Amino acid sequence: MIMMYHVSSLVFFILLFACGPDSVNSIILADSDYKSIITNDYKDHDNLSKAYFASGCFWCVEAIFESVEGVDHVISGYSGGSEQNPTYNQVGYGRTSHAEAVEVHYDSTVISYHTLLKVYYGSHDPTTINGQQPDFGRQYRSIIFYQNDEERKQAEEFKQKLNKSGNYSQPIVTEIVKFKKFWKAEDYHQNFERLNPNNSYVRKVSIPRLNRFKEKFPHLLKKDH
């Protein structure tokens, strides 16, 4: 009986503080409100470069990259799979081969791709297979999506250097794969952490993860952070 209680408590904790479809119940804005808020955030600028990463819940990853100087904005979405037009319910429940990913729009004259790799590796545990605490499953795996040979070379060299650094007790499992297509997530996922500060997952997982990154890399932050 005691064991059953602990198992039930663990399941409840995972459902309450996991970055899955069950965790969006406390969204406080309607879809129309989100669309009006984010309309100006996602206009492409010809002078901006793009980079693609996955490292757990995209709410967390988006907020981290958006705190960095030189990053204009970040879009949450899905990548790494073969299915067309994936939805949050499909990806979140592991029904596709996609991972939750982000599209980082950045000014390459201010921040380099190498520094983006530093942000990427410094903001999650790249040795965890298929997930970042408390989210586990292939949809939360660690991936760098390279768009050209130069990005691939930098990503592989960075990974090799970290593996040899002795900073990790386990080998880095981050996948380095060729970018194919990015599918933008539903509107209510964009700027999720900023727009939903009272969401239980945001309070217990996203904000603490962002704060840990800020403490490690204060010199990379925008002035308003």
Protein backbone atom coordinates (compact mmCIF):
# COMPACT_ATOMS: atom_id res chain seq x y z
CA MET A 1 0.00 0.00 0.00
CA ILE A 2 2.82 2.40 0.90
CA MET A 3 4.60 1.63 -2.36
CA MET A 4 1.42 2.26 -4.33
CA TYR A 5 1.07 5.64 -2.59
CA HIS A 6 4.61 6.63 -3.53
CA VAL A 7 4.10 5.55 -7.15
CA SER A 8 0.85 7.51 -7.34
CA SER A 9 2.56 10.57 -5.86
CA LEU A 10 5.38 10.30 -8.38
CA VAL A 11 2.95 10.05 -11.30
CA PHE A 12 1.07 13.10 -9.98
CA PHE A 13 4.32 15.07 -9.66
CA ILE A 14 5.38 14.18 -13.20
CA LEU A 15 2.00 15.19 -14.64
CA LEU A 16 1.99 18.44 -12.68
CA PHE A 17 5.52 19.53 -13.45
CA ALA A 18 6.14 18.03 -16.90
CA CYS A 19 6.35 19.94 -20.17
CA GLY A 20 3.62 17.89 -21.82
CA PRO A 21 0.05 18.52 -23.02
CA ASP A 22 -1.27 18.02 -19.47
CA SER A 23 0.73 20.99 -18.20
CA VAL A 24 -1.03 23.68 -20.24
CA ASN A 25 -4.26 23.60 -18.22
CA SER A 26 -3.35 26.81 -16.41
CA ILE A 27 -2.92 28.90 -19.57
CA ILE A 28 -4.58 32.20 -18.79
CA LEU A 29 -4.87 33.78 -22.24
CA ALA A 30 -7.08 32.85 -25.16
CA ASP A 31 -5.56 32.01 -28.54
CA SER A 32 -6.70 35.38 -29.91
CA ASP A 33 -4.85 37.16 -27.09
CA TYR A 34 -1.65 35.27 -27.84
CA LYS A 35 -1.87 36.11 -31.53
CA SER A 36 -2.19 39.81 -30.78
CA ILE A 37 0.77 39.73 -28.39
CA ILE A 38 3.20 37.82 -30.59
CA THR A 39 2.31 39.29 -33.99
CA ASN A 40 5.26 41.68 -33.97
CA ASP A 41 7.71 39.20 -32.44
CA TYR A 42 8.05 36.83 -35.37
CA LYS A 43 8.62 38.97 -38.42
CA ASP A 44 11.66 37.76 -40.31
CA HIS A 45 14.49 40.23 -40.68
CA ASP A 46 16.81 39.85 -43.66
CA ASN A 47 19.88 40.69 -41.59
CA LEU A 48 19.31 37.94 -39.01
CA SER A 49 20.75 34.43 -39.07
CA LYS A 50 18.95 31.33 -37.80
CA ALA A 51 20.09 28.37 -35.73
CA TYR A 52 18.21 25.29 -34.56
CA PHE A 53 18.50 23.38 -31.30
CA ALA A 54 16.61 20.94 -29.08
CA SER A 55 17.34 20.31 -25.41
CA GLY A 56 14.20 19.40 -23.52
CA CYS A 57 11.06 21.48 -23.09
CA PHE A 58 10.97 24.24 -25.69
CA TRP A 59 9.43 26.69 -23.20
CA CYS A 60 12.68 26.53 -21.24
CA VAL A 61 15.02 26.63 -24.22
CA GLU A 62 13.21 29.57 -25.83
CA ALA A 63 13.46 31.65 -22.64
CA ILE A 64 17.16 30.90 -22.22
CA PHE A 65 18.18 31.91 -25.73
CA GLU A 66 15.99 35.02 -25.63
CA SER A 67 17.93 36.22 -22.58
CA VAL A 68 21.17 36.31 -24.57
CA GLU A 69 22.63 39.46 -26.11
CA GLY A 70 22.53 39.30 -29.89
CA VAL A 71 19.48 37.04 -30.05
CA ASP A 72 16.55 38.93 -31.52
CA HIS A 73 13.82 36.37 -30.90
CA VAL A 74 13.22 32.64 -30.64
CA ILE A 75 10.41 30.51 -32.02
CA SER A 76 9.28 27.26 -30.41
CA GLY A 77 8.44 24.36 -32.67
CA TYR A 78 9.21 20.82 -33.77
CA SER A 79 12.02 19.29 -35.81
CA GLY A 80 14.04 16.13 -36.29
CA GLY A 81 11.20 13.90 -37.44
CA SER A 82 9.57 12.80 -40.66
CA GLU A 83 5.90 13.56 -39.96
CA GLN A 84 4.27 16.50 -41.72
CA ASN A 85 2.50 19.26 -39.76
CA PRO A 86 3.07 17.82 -36.27
CA THR A 87 0.92 19.05 -33.40
CA TYR A 88 1.72 19.55 -29.73
CA ASN A 89 -0.46 16.63 -28.67
CA GLN A 90 1.26 14.34 -31.15
CA VAL A 91 4.80 15.40 -30.23
CA GLY A 92 4.14 15.81 -26.50
CA TYR A 93 2.76 12.29 -26.17
CA GLY A 94 5.62 10.81 -28.20
CA ARG A 95 3.50 9.93 -31.22
CA THR A 96 6.00 11.34 -33.74
CA SER A 97 9.75 11.18 -34.35
CA HIS A 98 10.05 14.95 -33.82
CA ALA A 99 11.65 16.71 -30.86
CA GLU A 100 10.56 19.96 -29.27
CA ALA A 101 12.97 22.45 -30.82
CA VAL A 102 13.66 26.16 -31.19
CA GLU A 103 14.54 28.43 -34.09
CA VAL A 104 16.96 31.09 -32.86
CA HIS A 105 17.02 34.37 -34.81
CA TYR A 106 20.29 36.13 -34.05
CA ASP A 107 22.55 38.94 -35.22
CA SER A 108 25.79 37.28 -36.29
CA THR A 109 27.63 40.60 -35.97
CA VAL A 110 26.86 40.56 -32.23
CA ILE A 111 26.92 36.88 -31.31
CA SER A 112 28.68 34.02 -33.07
CA TYR A 113 27.42 30.51 -33.74
CA HIS A 114 30.20 29.27 -31.48
CA THR A 115 28.76 31.32 -28.61
CA LEU A 116 25.30 29.92 -29.33
CA LEU A 117 26.83 26.46 -28.87
CA LYS A 118 28.22 27.62 -25.55
CA VAL A 119 24.75 28.79 -24.52
CA TYR A 120 23.24 25.54 -25.72
CA TYR A 121 25.58 23.19 -23.86
CA GLY A 122 25.72 25.43 -20.80
CA SER A 123 21.96 25.43 -20.30
CA HIS A 124 21.20 21.70 -20.11
CA ASP A 125 22.70 18.31 -19.30
CA PRO A 126 23.90 16.90 -22.65
CA THR A 127 24.65 13.50 -21.09
CA THR A 128 21.01 12.68 -20.36
CA ILE A 129 19.53 10.27 -22.88
CA ASN A 130 16.12 11.27 -24.24
CA GLY A 131 15.20 14.01 -21.83
CA GLN A 132 15.87 16.75 -19.35
CA GLN A 133 14.52 16.46 -15.82
CA PRO A 134 11.55 16.17 -15.34
CA ASP A 135 10.74 15.53 -19.02
CA PHE A 136 11.70 12.24 -20.62
CA GLY A 137 11.02 10.73 -24.02
CA ARG A 138 12.50 11.00 -27.52
CA GLN A 139 10.62 14.28 -27.99
CA TYR A 140 12.94 15.86 -25.38
CA ARG A 141 16.26 14.56 -26.71
CA SER A 142 19.34 16.76 -27.14
CA ILE A 143 19.98 17.75 -30.77
CA ILE A 144 21.99 20.31 -32.71
CA PHE A 145 20.64 20.82 -36.22
CA TYR A 146 23.39 22.05 -38.54
CA GLN A 147 22.58 23.87 -41.79
CA ASN A 148 25.98 23.77 -43.47
CA ASP A 149 29.44 22.22 -43.17
CA GLU A 150 30.77 25.07 -41.04
CA GLU A 151 28.04 24.64 -38.42
CA ARG A 152 28.55 20.87 -38.46
CA LYS A 153 32.31 21.28 -37.97
CA GLN A 154 31.87 23.71 -35.07
CA ALA A 155 29.23 21.54 -33.41
CA GLU A 156 31.33 18.37 -33.66
CA GLU A 157 34.50 20.09 -32.43
CA PHE A 158 32.65 21.67 -29.51
CA LYS A 159 31.20 18.28 -28.53
CA GLN A 160 34.59 16.55 -28.79
CA LYS A 161 36.22 19.24 -26.68
CA LEU A 162 33.58 18.90 -23.96
CA ASN A 163 33.88 15.13 -23.95
CA LYS A 164 37.63 15.46 -23.36
CA SER A 165 37.30 18.22 -20.75
CA GLY A 166 36.50 15.91 -17.86
CA ASN A 167 33.59 18.12 -16.84
CA TYR A 168 31.11 15.31 -17.38
CA SER A 169 31.07 11.90 -15.73
CA GLN A 170 29.15 10.42 -18.67
CA PRO A 171 29.64 10.83 -22.44
CA ILE A 172 27.71 13.56 -24.23
CA VAL A 173 24.76 12.08 -26.13
CA THR A 174 23.76 15.19 -28.08
CA GLU A 175 22.83 14.31 -31.66
CA ILE A 176 24.35 16.42 -34.43
CA VAL A 177 22.12 16.07 -37.47
CA LYS A 178 21.50 17.91 -40.72
CA PHE A 179 18.63 20.37 -40.51
CA LYS A 180 15.67 19.50 -42.73
CA LYS A 181 12.58 21.40 -41.66
CA PHE A 182 11.26 23.33 -38.69
CA TRP A 183 7.57 23.33 -37.87
CA LYS A 184 6.41 26.33 -35.82
CA ALA A 185 4.45 25.30 -32.72
CA GLU A 186 0.98 26.52 -31.91
CA ASP A 187 0.69 30.23 -31.06
CA TYR A 188 0.14 29.70 -27.34
CA HIS A 189 3.60 28.13 -26.99
CA GLN A 190 5.42 31.25 -28.15
CA ASN A 191 6.92 33.25 -25.25
CA PHE A 192 5.21 30.75 -22.98
CA GLU A 193 7.37 31.37 -19.94
CA ARG A 194 7.00 35.15 -20.12
CA LEU A 195 3.23 35.04 -20.70
CA ASN A 196 2.46 32.32 -18.16
CA PRO A 197 4.50 33.10 -15.03
CA ASN A 198 1.98 31.34 -12.78
CA ASN A 199 1.98 28.07 -14.68
CA SER A 200 3.19 25.35 -12.29
CA TYR A 201 5.80 24.03 -14.73
CA VAL A 202 7.10 27.52 -15.43
CA ARG A 203 7.47 28.28 -11.72
CA LYS A 204 9.01 24.95 -10.74
CA VAL A 205 11.12 24.11 -13.79
CA SER A 206 11.45 26.81 -16.47
CA ILE A 207 12.32 29.79 -14.29
CA PRO A 208 14.82 27.89 -12.11
CA ARG A 209 16.52 26.53 -15.26
CA LEU A 210 16.75 30.05 -16.69
CA ASN A 211 18.12 31.43 -13.43
CA ARG A 212 20.80 28.72 -13.28
CA PHE A 213 21.90 29.72 -16.77
CA LYS A 214 22.00 33.42 -15.82
CA GLU A 215 24.20 32.68 -12.83
CA LYS A 216 26.68 30.76 -14.99
CA PHE A 217 26.83 33.24 -17.89
CA PRO A 218 26.02 36.77 -16.68
CA HIS A 219 28.35 38.25 -19.31
CA LEU A 220 26.17 36.85 -22.12
CA LEU A 221 22.91 38.37 -20.95
CA LYS A 222 20.99 41.30 -22.40
CA LYS A 223 21.08 44.38 -20.24
CA ASP A 224 17.39 44.07 -19.31
CA HIS A 225 18.15 40.64 -17.83
